[in-house]
PDB file of all heavy atoms in Angstrom:
ATOM      1  N   PRO A   1       0.860  -1.231   0.075  1.00  0.00           N
ATOM      2  CA  PRO A   1       0.049   0.064  -0.065  1.00  0.00           C
ATOM      3  C   PRO A   1       0.787   1.263   0.053  1.00  0.00           C
ATOM      4  O   PRO A   1       0.420   2.267  -0.533  1.00  0.00           O
ATOM      5  CB  PRO A   1      -0.856  -0.127   1.236  1.00  0.00           C
ATOM      6  CG  PRO A   1      -0.151  -1.100   2.245  1.00  0.00           C
ATOM      7  CD  PRO A   1       0.471  -2.062   1.132  1.00  0.00           C
ATOM      8  N   LEU A   2       2.016   1.281   0.676  1.00  0.00           N
ATOM      9  CA  LEU A   2       2.811   2.554   0.812  1.00  0.00           C
ATOM     10  C   LEU A   2       3.305   2.990  -0.617  1.00  0.00           C
ATOM     11  O   LEU A   2       3.275   4.151  -0.923  1.00  0.00           O
ATOM     12  CB  LEU A   2       3.927   2.394   1.740  1.00  0.00           C
ATOM     13  CG  LEU A   2       3.477   2.162   3.239  1.00  0.00           C
ATOM     14  CD1 LEU A   2       4.778   2.012   3.932  1.00  0.00           C
ATOM     15  CD2 LEU A   2       2.729   3.430   3.683  1.00  0.00           C
ATOM     16  N   LEU A   3       3.630   1.971  -1.543  1.00  0.00           N
ATOM     17  CA  LEU A   3       4.015   2.275  -2.777  1.00  0.00           C
ATOM     18  C   LEU A   3       2.927   3.083  -3.498  1.00  0.00           C
ATOM     19  O   LEU A   3       3.208   4.119  -4.259  1.00  0.00           O
ATOM     20  CB  LEU A   3       4.217   0.998  -3.563  1.00  0.00           C
ATOM     21  CG  LEU A   3       4.520   1.228  -5.070  1.00  0.00           C
ATOM     22  CD1 LEU A   3       5.818   1.967  -5.358  1.00  0.00           C
ATOM     23  CD2 LEU A   3       4.484  -0.265  -5.839  1.00  0.00           C
ATOM     24  N   TYR A   4       1.708   2.604  -3.251  1.00  0.00           N
ATOM     25  CA  TYR A   4       0.557   3.193  -4.076  1.00  0.00           C
ATOM     26  C   TYR A   4       0.295   4.582  -3.462  1.00  0.00           C
ATOM     27  O   TYR A   4      -0.010   5.524  -4.220  1.00  0.00           O
ATOM     28  CB  TYR A   4      -0.619   2.366  -3.923  1.00  0.00           C
ATOM     29  CG  TYR A   4      -0.622   1.321  -5.054  1.00  0.00           C
ATOM     30  CD1 TYR A   4       0.336   0.281  -5.037  1.00  0.00           C
ATOM     31  CD2 TYR A   4      -1.561   1.373  -6.096  1.00  0.00           C
ATOM     32  CE1 TYR A   4       0.399  -0.636  -6.083  1.00  0.00           C
ATOM     33  CE2 TYR A   4      -1.452   0.445  -7.109  1.00  0.00           C
ATOM     34  CZ  TYR A   4      -0.445  -0.477  -7.152  1.00  0.00           C
ATOM     35  OH  TYR A   4      -0.375  -1.470  -8.165  1.00  0.00           O
ATOM     36  N   TYR A   5       0.295   4.832  -2.156  1.00  0.00           N
ATOM     37  CA  TYR A   5       0.015   6.096  -1.631  1.00  0.00           C
ATOM     38  C   TYR A   5       1.121   7.153  -2.041  1.00  0.00           C
ATOM     39  O   TYR A   5       0.825   8.223  -2.361  1.00  0.00           O
ATOM     40  CB  TYR A   5      -0.027   6.029  -0.038  1.00  0.00           C
ATOM     41  CG  TYR A   5      -1.467   5.371   0.390  1.00  0.00           C
ATOM     42  CD1 TYR A   5      -1.385   4.206   1.103  1.00  0.00           C
ATOM     43  CD2 TYR A   5      -2.569   5.915  -0.024  1.00  0.00           C
ATOM     44  CE1 TYR A   5      -2.627   3.497   1.336  1.00  0.00           C
ATOM     45  CE2 TYR A   5      -3.858   5.295   0.427  1.00  0.00           C
ATOM     46  CZ  TYR A   5      -3.837   4.109   1.054  1.00  0.00           C
ATOM     47  OH  TYR A   5      -5.016   3.481   1.410  1.00  0.00           O
ATOM     48  N   GLU A   6       2.318   6.766  -2.014  1.00  0.00           N
ATOM     49  CA  GLU A   6       3.370   7.694  -2.369  1.00  0.00           C
ATOM     50  C   GLU A   6       3.316   7.877  -3.871  1.00  0.00           C
ATOM     51  O   GLU A   6       3.292   9.112  -4.267  1.00  0.00           O
ATOM     52  CB  GLU A   6       4.759   7.031  -2.210  1.00  0.00           C
ATOM     53  CG  GLU A   6       5.891   7.927  -2.630  1.00  0.00           C
ATOM     54  CD  GLU A   6       7.342   7.300  -2.668  1.00  0.00           C
ATOM     55  OE1 GLU A   6       7.422   5.965  -2.884  1.00  0.00           O
ATOM     56  OE2 GLU A   6       8.280   7.990  -2.422  1.00  0.00           O
ATOM     57  N   ASN A   7       3.213   7.014  -4.716  1.00  0.00           N
ATOM     58  CA  ASN A   7       3.340   7.230  -6.203  1.00  0.00           C
ATOM     59  C   ASN A   7       2.029   7.977  -6.681  1.00  0.00           C
ATOM     60  O   ASN A   7       2.176   8.889  -7.291  1.00  0.00           O
ATOM     61  CB  ASN A   7       3.353   5.844  -6.926  1.00  0.00           C
ATOM     62  CG  ASN A   7       3.739   6.166  -8.349  1.00  0.00           C
ATOM     63  OD1 ASN A   7       4.577   6.891  -8.616  1.00  0.00           O
ATOM     64  ND2 ASN A   7       3.066   5.318  -9.215  1.00  0.00           N
ATOM     65  N   ASN A   8       0.829   7.585  -6.222  1.00  0.00           N
ATOM     66  CA  ASN A   8      -0.449   8.152  -6.774  1.00  0.00           C
ATOM     67  C   ASN A   8      -0.791   9.410  -6.214  1.00  0.00           C
ATOM     68  O   ASN A   8      -1.402  10.300  -6.821  1.00  0.00           O
ATOM     69  CB  ASN A   8      -1.520   7.131  -6.598  1.00  0.00           C
ATOM     70  CG  ASN A   8      -1.270   5.795  -7.394  1.00  0.00           C
ATOM     71  OD1 ASN A   8      -0.341   5.655  -7.945  1.00  0.00           O
ATOM     72  ND2 ASN A   8      -2.431   4.895  -7.433  1.00  0.00           N
ATOM     73  N   LEU A   9      -0.443   9.730  -4.954  1.00  0.00           N
ATOM     74  CA  LEU A   9      -0.853  10.999  -4.312  1.00  0.00           C
ATOM     75  C   LEU A   9       0.202  12.086  -4.582  1.00  0.00           C
ATOM     76  O   LEU A   9      -0.106  13.227  -4.923  1.00  0.00           O
ATOM     77  CB  LEU A   9      -1.077  10.787  -2.785  1.00  0.00           C
ATOM     78  CG  LEU A   9      -2.232   9.825  -2.580  1.00  0.00           C
ATOM     79  CD1 LEU A   9      -2.486   9.763  -1.026  1.00  0.00           C
ATOM     80  CD2 LEU A   9      -3.546  10.252  -3.393  1.00  0.00           C
ATOM     81  N   HIS A  10       1.558  11.723  -4.345  1.00  0.00           N
ATOM     82  CA  HIS A  10       2.580  12.868  -4.520  1.00  0.00           C
ATOM     83  C   HIS A  10       2.636  13.360  -5.869  1.00  0.00           C
ATOM     84  O   HIS A  10       2.679  14.558  -6.206  1.00  0.00           O
ATOM     85  CB  HIS A  10       3.907  12.225  -4.121  1.00  0.00           C
ATOM     86  CG  HIS A  10       4.163  11.942  -2.572  1.00  0.00           C
ATOM     87  ND1 HIS A  10       5.360  11.796  -2.141  1.00  0.00           N
ATOM     88  CD2 HIS A  10       3.341  11.984  -1.620  1.00  0.00           C
ATOM     89  CE1 HIS A  10       5.345  11.504  -0.757  1.00  0.00           C
ATOM     90  NE2 HIS A  10       3.890  11.828  -0.549  1.00  0.00           N
ATOM     91  N   SER A  11       2.491  12.426  -6.907  1.00  0.00           N
ATOM     92  CA  SER A  11       2.504  12.927  -8.271  1.00  0.00           C
ATOM     93  C   SER A  11       1.331  13.893  -8.574  1.00  0.00           C
ATOM     94  O   SER A  11       1.556  14.983  -9.260  1.00  0.00           O
ATOM     95  CB  SER A  11       2.392  11.696  -9.274  1.00  0.00           C
ATOM     96  OG  SER A  11       1.272  10.968  -9.111  1.00  0.00           O
ATOM     97  N   LEU A  12       0.188  13.665  -8.005  1.00  0.00           N
ATOM     98  CA  LEU A  12      -0.926  14.549  -8.199  1.00  0.00           C
ATOM     99  C   LEU A  12      -0.750  15.866  -7.599  1.00  0.00           C
ATOM    100  O   LEU A  12      -1.001  16.911  -8.144  1.00  0.00           O
ATOM    101  CB  LEU A  12      -2.262  13.923  -7.728  1.00  0.00           C
ATOM    102  CG  LEU A  12      -3.563  14.857  -7.842  1.00  0.00           C
ATOM    103  CD1 LEU A  12      -3.867  15.139  -9.276  1.00  0.00           C
ATOM    104  CD2 LEU A  12      -4.667  14.110  -7.074  1.00  0.00           C
ATOM    105  N   ILE A  13      -0.282  15.800  -6.435  1.00  0.00           N
ATOM    106  CA  ILE A  13      -0.041  17.109  -5.580  1.00  0.00           C
ATOM    107  C   ILE A  13       0.968  17.957  -6.235  1.00  0.00           C
ATOM    108  O   ILE A  13       0.741  19.233  -6.437  1.00  0.00           O
ATOM    109  CB  ILE A  13       0.299  16.743  -4.078  1.00  0.00           C
ATOM    110  CG1 ILE A  13      -0.801  16.184  -3.411  1.00  0.00           C
ATOM    111  CG2 ILE A  13       0.810  18.064  -3.323  1.00  0.00           C
ATOM    112  CD1 ILE A  13      -0.433  15.565  -2.104  1.00  0.00           C
ATOM    113  N   TYR A  14       2.064  17.343  -6.766  1.00  0.00           N
ATOM    114  CA  TYR A  14       3.171  18.250  -7.342  1.00  0.00           C
ATOM    115  C   TYR A  14       2.741  18.792  -8.707  1.00  0.00           C
ATOM    116  O   TYR A  14       2.963  19.952  -9.011  1.00  0.00           O
ATOM    117  CB  TYR A  14       4.474  17.412  -7.505  1.00  0.00           C
ATOM    118  CG  TYR A  14       5.074  16.712  -6.280  1.00  0.00           C
ATOM    119  CD1 TYR A  14       5.791  15.674  -6.289  1.00  0.00           C
ATOM    120  CD2 TYR A  14       4.763  17.482  -5.028  1.00  0.00           C
ATOM    121  CE1 TYR A  14       6.332  15.151  -5.072  1.00  0.00           C
ATOM    122  CE2 TYR A  14       5.324  16.936  -3.853  1.00  0.00           C
ATOM    123  CZ  TYR A  14       6.060  15.806  -3.885  1.00  0.00           C
ATOM    124  OH  TYR A  14       6.645  15.351  -2.733  1.00  0.00           O
ATOM    125  N   LEU A  15       1.843  17.992  -9.372  1.00  0.00           N
ATOM    126  CA  LEU A  15       1.324  18.670 -10.698  1.00  0.00           C
ATOM    127  C   LEU A  15       0.423  19.790 -10.333  1.00  0.00           C
ATOM    128  O   LEU A  15       0.467  20.789 -11.042  1.00  0.00           O
ATOM    129  CB  LEU A  15       0.626  17.511 -11.442  1.00  0.00           C
ATOM    130  CG  LEU A  15       1.382  16.414 -12.162  1.00  0.00           C
ATOM    131  CD1 LEU A  15       0.525  15.426 -12.722  1.00  0.00           C
ATOM    132  CD2 LEU A  15       2.208  17.140 -13.350  1.00  0.00           C
ATOM    133  N   LEU A  16      -0.434  19.562  -9.456  1.00  0.00           N
ATOM    134  CA  LEU A  16      -1.510  20.712  -9.045  1.00  0.00           C
ATOM    135  C   LEU A  16      -0.692  22.019  -8.553  1.00  0.00           C
ATOM    136  O   LEU A  16      -1.111  23.029  -8.877  1.00  0.00           O
ATOM    137  CB  LEU A  16      -2.419  20.194  -8.051  1.00  0.00           C
ATOM    138  CG  LEU A  16      -3.458  19.211  -8.628  1.00  0.00           C
ATOM    139  CD1 LEU A  16      -4.300  18.639  -7.476  1.00  0.00           C
ATOM    140  CD2 LEU A  16      -4.302  19.775  -9.693  1.00  0.00           C
ATOM    141  N   GLN A  17       0.368  21.814  -7.843  1.00  0.00           N
ATOM    142  CA  GLN A  17       1.196  22.919  -7.321  1.00  0.00           C
ATOM    143  C   GLN A  17       1.716  23.606  -8.540  1.00  0.00           C
ATOM    144  O   GLN A  17       1.719  24.854  -8.503  1.00  0.00           O
ATOM    145  CB  GLN A  17       2.227  22.440  -6.334  1.00  0.00           C
ATOM    146  CG  GLN A  17       1.708  22.038  -5.018  1.00  0.00           C
ATOM    147  CD  GLN A  17       2.720  21.358  -4.223  1.00  0.00           C
ATOM    148  OE1 GLN A  17       3.710  20.897  -4.669  1.00  0.00           O
ATOM    149  NE2 GLN A  17       2.431  21.323  -2.768  1.00  0.00           N
ATOM    150  N   GLU A  18       2.214  22.913  -9.559  1.00  0.00           N
ATOM    151  CA  GLU A  18       2.768  23.624 -10.732  1.00  0.00           C
ATOM    152  C   GLU A  18       1.718  24.203 -11.662  1.00  0.00           C
ATOM    153  O   GLU A  18       1.933  25.182 -12.189  1.00  0.00           O
ATOM    154  CB  GLU A  18       3.545  22.550 -11.558  1.00  0.00           C
ATOM    155  CG  GLU A  18       4.885  22.054 -10.818  1.00  0.00           C
ATOM    156  CD  GLU A  18       5.790  23.184 -10.281  1.00  0.00           C
ATOM    157  OE1 GLU A  18       5.973  24.126 -11.100  1.00  0.00           O
ATOM    158  OE2 GLU A  18       6.293  23.136  -9.234  1.00  0.00           O
ATOM    159  N   CYS A  19       0.578  23.493 -11.591  1.00  0.00           N
ATOM    160  CA  CYS A  19      -0.556  24.285 -12.454  1.00  0.00           C
ATOM    161  C   CYS A  19      -0.968  25.626 -11.897  1.00  0.00           C
ATOM    162  O   CYS A  19      -1.100  26.521 -12.558  1.00  0.00           O
ATOM    163  CB  CYS A  19      -1.836  23.299 -12.262  1.00  0.00           C
ATOM    164  SG  CYS A  19      -1.741  21.860 -13.320  1.00  0.00           S
ATOM    165  N   LYS A  20      -0.974  25.530 -10.504  1.00  0.00           N
ATOM    166  CA  LYS A  20      -1.304  26.940  -9.792  1.00  0.00           C
ATOM    167  C   LYS A  20      -0.126  28.015 -10.055  1.00  0.00           C
ATOM    168  O   LYS A  20      -0.403  29.098 -10.398  1.00  0.00           O
ATOM    169  CB  LYS A  20      -1.404  26.715  -8.318  1.00  0.00           C
ATOM    170  CG  LYS A  20      -2.047  27.894  -7.540  1.00  0.00           C
ATOM    171  CD  LYS A  20      -2.204  27.434  -6.053  1.00  0.00           C
ATOM    172  CE  LYS A  20      -2.865  28.601  -5.239  1.00  0.00           C
ATOM    173  NZ  LYS A  20      -4.303  28.812  -5.736  1.00  0.00           N
ATOM    174  N   LYS A  21       1.084  27.538 -10.082  1.00  0.00           N
ATOM    175  CA  LYS A  21       2.176  28.371 -10.214  1.00  0.00           C
ATOM    176  C   LYS A  21       2.324  28.931 -11.605  1.00  0.00           C
ATOM    177  O   LYS A  21       2.679  30.082 -11.873  1.00  0.00           O
ATOM    178  CB  LYS A  21       3.470  27.660  -9.836  1.00  0.00           C
ATOM    179  CG  LYS A  21       4.829  28.510 -10.013  1.00  0.00           C
ATOM    180  CD  LYS A  21       6.003  27.678  -9.551  1.00  0.00           C
ATOM    181  CE  LYS A  21       7.339  28.395  -9.745  1.00  0.00           C
ATOM    182  NZ  LYS A  21       8.511  27.624  -9.435  1.00  0.00           N
ATOM    183  N   HIS A  22       1.981  28.100 -12.609  1.00  0.00           N
ATOM    184  CA  HIS A  22       2.187  28.453 -13.942  1.00  0.00           C
ATOM    185  C   HIS A  22       0.952  28.779 -14.830  1.00  0.00           C
ATOM    186  O   HIS A  22       0.988  28.901 -16.015  1.00  0.00           O
ATOM    187  CB  HIS A  22       2.886  27.277 -14.730  1.00  0.00           C
ATOM    188  CG  HIS A  22       4.382  27.041 -14.215  1.00  0.00           C
ATOM    189  ND1 HIS A  22       5.522  27.829 -14.769  1.00  0.00           N
ATOM    190  CD2 HIS A  22       4.906  26.273 -13.236  1.00  0.00           C
ATOM    191  CE1 HIS A  22       6.505  27.510 -14.114  1.00  0.00           C
ATOM    192  NE2 HIS A  22       6.242  26.651 -13.240  1.00  0.00           N
ATOM    193  N   GLY A  23      -0.194  28.737 -14.084  1.00  0.00           N
ATOM    194  CA  GLY A  23      -1.522  28.991 -14.764  1.00  0.00           C
ATOM    195  C   GLY A  23      -2.040  28.109 -15.715  1.00  0.00           C
ATOM    196  O   GLY A  23      -2.532  28.473 -16.772  1.00  0.00           O
ATOM    197  N   VAL A  24      -1.776  26.825 -15.430  1.00  0.00           N
ATOM    198  CA  VAL A  24      -2.328  25.649 -16.282  1.00  0.00           C
ATOM    199  C   VAL A  24      -3.672  25.294 -15.568  1.00  0.00           C
ATOM    200  O   VAL A  24      -3.644  24.653 -14.527  1.00  0.00           O
ATOM    201  CB  VAL A  24      -1.376  24.578 -16.377  1.00  0.00           C
ATOM    202  CG1 VAL A  24      -1.852  23.336 -17.239  1.00  0.00           C
ATOM    203  CG2 VAL A  24       0.057  25.032 -16.827  1.00  0.00           C
ATOM    204  N   TYR A  25      -4.756  25.507 -16.288  1.00  0.00           N
ATOM    205  CA  TYR A  25      -5.996  25.394 -15.639  1.00  0.00           C
ATOM    206  C   TYR A  25      -6.887  24.180 -16.097  1.00  0.00           C
ATOM    207  O   TYR A  25      -7.972  23.848 -15.535  1.00  0.00           O
ATOM    208  CB  TYR A  25      -6.713  26.741 -15.695  1.00  0.00           C
ATOM    209  CG  TYR A  25      -6.087  27.897 -15.052  1.00  0.00           C
ATOM    210  CD1 TYR A  25      -5.922  29.016 -15.728  1.00  0.00           C
ATOM    211  CD2 TYR A  25      -5.683  27.690 -13.700  1.00  0.00           C
ATOM    212  CE1 TYR A  25      -5.242  30.092 -15.036  1.00  0.00           C
ATOM    213  CE2 TYR A  25      -5.145  28.757 -13.089  1.00  0.00           C
ATOM    214  CZ  TYR A  25      -4.799  29.885 -13.619  1.00  0.00           C
ATOM    215  OH  TYR A  25      -4.216  30.870 -12.974  1.00  0.00           O
ATOM    216  N   ASN A  26      -6.515  23.502 -17.203  1.00  0.00           N
ATOM    217  CA  ASN A  26      -7.332  22.506 -17.812  1.00  0.00           C
ATOM    218  C   ASN A  26      -6.692  21.100 -17.406  1.00  0.00           C
ATOM    219  O   ASN A  26      -5.536  20.877 -17.875  1.00  0.00           O
ATOM    220  CB  ASN A  26      -7.451  22.579 -19.365  1.00  0.00           C
ATOM    221  CG  ASN A  26      -7.932  23.858 -19.818  1.00  0.00           C
ATOM    222  OD1 ASN A  26      -9.022  24.289 -19.333  1.00  0.00           O
ATOM    223  ND2 ASN A  26      -7.305  24.627 -20.772  1.00  0.00           N
ATOM    224  N   PHE A  27      -7.524  20.307 -16.639  1.00  0.00           N
ATOM    225  CA  PHE A  27      -6.848  19.243 -15.993  1.00  0.00           C
ATOM    226  C   PHE A  27      -7.794  18.040 -16.054  1.00  0.00           C
ATOM    227  O   PHE A  27      -9.022  18.165 -15.581  1.00  0.00           O
ATOM    228  CB  PHE A  27      -6.508  19.466 -14.509  1.00  0.00           C
ATOM    229  CG  PHE A  27      -5.533  18.476 -13.920  1.00  0.00           C
ATOM    230  CD1 PHE A  27      -4.256  18.739 -13.732  1.00  0.00           C
ATOM    231  CD2 PHE A  27      -6.031  17.230 -13.413  1.00  0.00           C
ATOM    232  CE1 PHE A  27      -3.435  17.824 -13.217  1.00  0.00           C
ATOM    233  CE2 PHE A  27      -5.201  16.323 -12.741  1.00  0.00           C
ATOM    234  CZ  PHE A  27      -3.946  16.666 -12.725  1.00  0.00           C
ATOM    235  N   ILE A  28      -7.469  16.990 -16.742  1.00  0.00           N
ATOM    236  CA  ILE A  28      -8.335  15.764 -16.680  1.00  0.00           C
ATOM    237  C   ILE A  28      -7.640  14.675 -15.886  1.00  0.00           C
ATOM    238  O   ILE A  28      -6.425  14.371 -16.143  1.00  0.00           O
ATOM    239  CB  ILE A  28      -8.540  15.264 -18.169  1.00  0.00           C
ATOM    240  CG1 ILE A  28      -9.393  16.293 -18.920  1.00  0.00           C
ATOM    241  CG2 ILE A  28      -9.209  13.938 -18.169  1.00  0.00           C
ATOM    242  CD1 ILE A  28      -9.470  16.015 -20.348  1.00  0.00           C
ATOM    243  N   PHE A  29      -8.287  14.045 -15.027  1.00  0.00           N
ATOM    244  CA  PHE A  29      -7.887  13.050 -14.094  1.00  0.00           C
ATOM    245  C   PHE A  29      -8.310  11.664 -14.484  1.00  0.00           C
ATOM    246  O   PHE A  29      -9.512  11.515 -14.768  1.00  0.00           O
ATOM    247  CB  PHE A  29      -8.265  13.321 -12.665  1.00  0.00           C
ATOM    248  CG  PHE A  29      -7.725  12.291 -11.637  1.00  0.00           C
ATOM    249  CD1 PHE A  29      -6.401  12.123 -11.558  1.00  0.00           C
ATOM    250  CD2 PHE A  29      -8.644  11.585 -10.975  1.00  0.00           C
ATOM    251  CE1 PHE A  29      -5.937  11.256 -10.572  1.00  0.00           C
ATOM    252  CE2 PHE A  29      -8.106  10.653 -10.006  1.00  0.00           C
ATOM    253  CZ  PHE A  29      -6.931  10.477  -9.840  1.00  0.00           C
ATOM    254  N   SER A  30      -7.379  10.723 -14.529  1.00  0.00           N
ATOM    255  CA  SER A  30      -7.715   9.265 -14.802  1.00  0.00           C
ATOM    256  C   SER A  30      -8.174   8.730 -13.516  1.00  0.00           C
ATOM    257  O   SER A  30      -7.407   8.286 -12.695  1.00  0.00           O
ATOM    258  CB  SER A  30      -6.420   8.629 -15.366  1.00  0.00           C
ATOM    259  OG  SER A  30      -6.546   7.183 -15.273  1.00  0.00           O
ATOM    260  N   SER A  31      -9.454   8.573 -13.327  1.00  0.00           N
ATOM    261  CA  SER A  31     -10.072   7.939 -12.089  1.00  0.00           C
ATOM    262  C   SER A  31     -10.509   6.608 -12.361  1.00  0.00           C
ATOM    263  O   SER A  31     -10.199   5.930 -13.450  1.00  0.00           O
ATOM    264  CB  SER A  31     -11.175   8.882 -11.504  1.00  0.00           C
ATOM    265  OG  SER A  31     -11.544   8.428 -10.180  1.00  0.00           O
ATOM    266  N   SER A  32     -11.317   6.056 -11.524  1.00  0.00           N
ATOM    267  CA  SER A  32     -11.741   4.659 -11.546  1.00  0.00           C
ATOM    268  C   SER A  32     -13.094   4.348 -10.962  1.00  0.00           C
ATOM    269  O   SER A  32     -13.472   5.033 -10.136  1.00  0.00           O
ATOM    270  CB  SER A  32     -10.553   3.797 -11.008  1.00  0.00           C
ATOM    271  OG  SER A  32     -11.092   2.427 -10.845  1.00  0.00           O
ATOM    272  N   CYS A  33     -13.737   3.310 -11.538  1.00  0.00           N
ATOM    273  CA  CYS A  33     -14.877   2.922 -10.963  1.00  0.00           C
ATOM    274  C   CYS A  33     -14.727   2.269  -9.612  1.00  0.00           C
ATOM    275  O   CYS A  33     -15.663   2.054  -8.844  1.00  0.00           O
ATOM    276  CB  CYS A  33     -15.651   1.821 -11.710  1.00  0.00           C
ATOM    277  SG  CYS A  33     -14.784   0.341 -12.107  1.00  0.00           S
ATOM    278  N   THR A  34     -13.478   1.981  -9.284  1.00  0.00           N
ATOM    279  CA  THR A  34     -13.124   1.437  -7.925  1.00  0.00           C
ATOM    280  C   THR A  34     -13.667   2.368  -6.786  1.00  0.00           C
ATOM    281  O   THR A  34     -13.812   1.830  -5.673  1.00  0.00           O
ATOM    282  CB  THR A  34     -11.642   1.110  -7.664  1.00  0.00           C
ATOM    283  OG1 THR A  34     -11.009   2.424  -7.911  1.00  0.00           O
ATOM    284  CG2 THR A  34     -11.276   0.136  -8.701  1.00  0.00           C
ATOM    285  N   VAL A  35     -13.872   3.678  -7.005  1.00  0.00           N
ATOM    286  CA  VAL A  35     -14.306   4.544  -6.070  1.00  0.00           C
ATOM    287  C   VAL A  35     -15.696   4.182  -5.442  1.00  0.00           C
ATOM    288  O   VAL A  35     -15.992   4.543  -4.307  1.00  0.00           O
ATOM    289  CB  VAL A  35     -14.291   6.041  -6.453  1.00  0.00           C
ATOM    290  CG1 VAL A  35     -12.874   6.474  -6.958  1.00  0.00           C
ATOM    291  CG2 VAL A  35     -15.309   6.278  -7.578  1.00  0.00           C
ATOM    292  N   TYR A  36     -16.488   3.360  -6.253  1.00  0.00           N
ATOM    293  CA  TYR A  36     -17.807   2.938  -5.807  1.00  0.00           C
ATOM    294  C   TYR A  36     -17.800   1.844  -5.016  1.00  0.00           C
ATOM    295  O   TYR A  36     -18.767   1.589  -4.398  1.00  0.00           O
ATOM    296  CB  TYR A  36     -18.702   2.702  -6.987  1.00  0.00           C
ATOM    297  CG  TYR A  36     -18.850   3.907  -8.057  1.00  0.00           C
ATOM    298  CD1 TYR A  36     -18.304   3.946  -9.316  1.00  0.00           C
ATOM    299  CD2 TYR A  36     -19.555   5.142  -7.576  1.00  0.00           C
ATOM    300  CE1 TYR A  36     -18.579   4.993 -10.161  1.00  0.00           C
ATOM    301  CE2 TYR A  36     -19.688   6.078  -8.508  1.00  0.00           C
ATOM    302  CZ  TYR A  36     -19.252   6.053  -9.706  1.00  0.00           C
ATOM    303  OH  TYR A  36     -19.432   7.109 -10.604  1.00  0.00           O
ATOM    304  N   GLY A  37     -16.546   1.137  -4.898  1.00  0.00           N
ATOM    305  CA  GLY A  37     -16.612   0.003  -3.958  1.00  0.00           C
ATOM    306  C   GLY A  37     -17.547  -1.106  -4.517  1.00  0.00           C
ATOM    307  O   GLY A  37     -17.840  -1.221  -5.629  1.00  0.00           O
ATOM    308  N   GLU A  38     -18.195  -1.718  -3.499  1.00  0.00           N
ATOM    309  CA  GLU A  38     -19.273  -2.698  -3.794  1.00  0.00           C
ATOM    310  C   GLU A  38     -20.628  -1.833  -3.846  1.00  0.00           C
ATOM    311  O   GLU A  38     -21.060  -1.479  -2.902  1.00  0.00           O
ATOM    312  CB  GLU A  38     -19.386  -3.744  -2.649  1.00  0.00           C
ATOM    313  CG  GLU A  38     -20.173  -4.923  -3.037  1.00  0.00           C
ATOM    314  CD  GLU A  38     -19.480  -5.871  -3.915  1.00  0.00           C
ATOM    315  OE1 GLU A  38     -18.442  -6.589  -3.495  1.00  0.00           O
ATOM    316  OE2 GLU A  38     -19.887  -6.046  -5.106  1.00  0.00           O
ATOM    317  N   PRO A  39     -21.055  -1.721  -5.117  1.00  0.00           N
ATOM    318  CA  PRO A  39     -22.246  -0.854  -5.256  1.00  0.00           C
ATOM    319  C   PRO A  39     -23.454  -1.369  -4.728  1.00  0.00           C
ATOM    320  O   PRO A  39     -23.801  -2.485  -4.634  1.00  0.00           O
ATOM    321  CB  PRO A  39     -22.332  -0.663  -6.801  1.00  0.00           C
ATOM    322  CG  PRO A  39     -21.750  -1.979  -7.288  1.00  0.00           C
ATOM    323  CD  PRO A  39     -20.636  -2.256  -6.350  1.00  0.00           C
TER     324      PRO A  39
END
């Protein structure tokens, strides 16, 4: 699990920080149906 938390969250946070700094405002995120769990 630690590999996943480090890789998936840090990368997103660092990108968003640069978006704010450089005025990049169009952002599409690759999400997943896994967020619904057992529906």
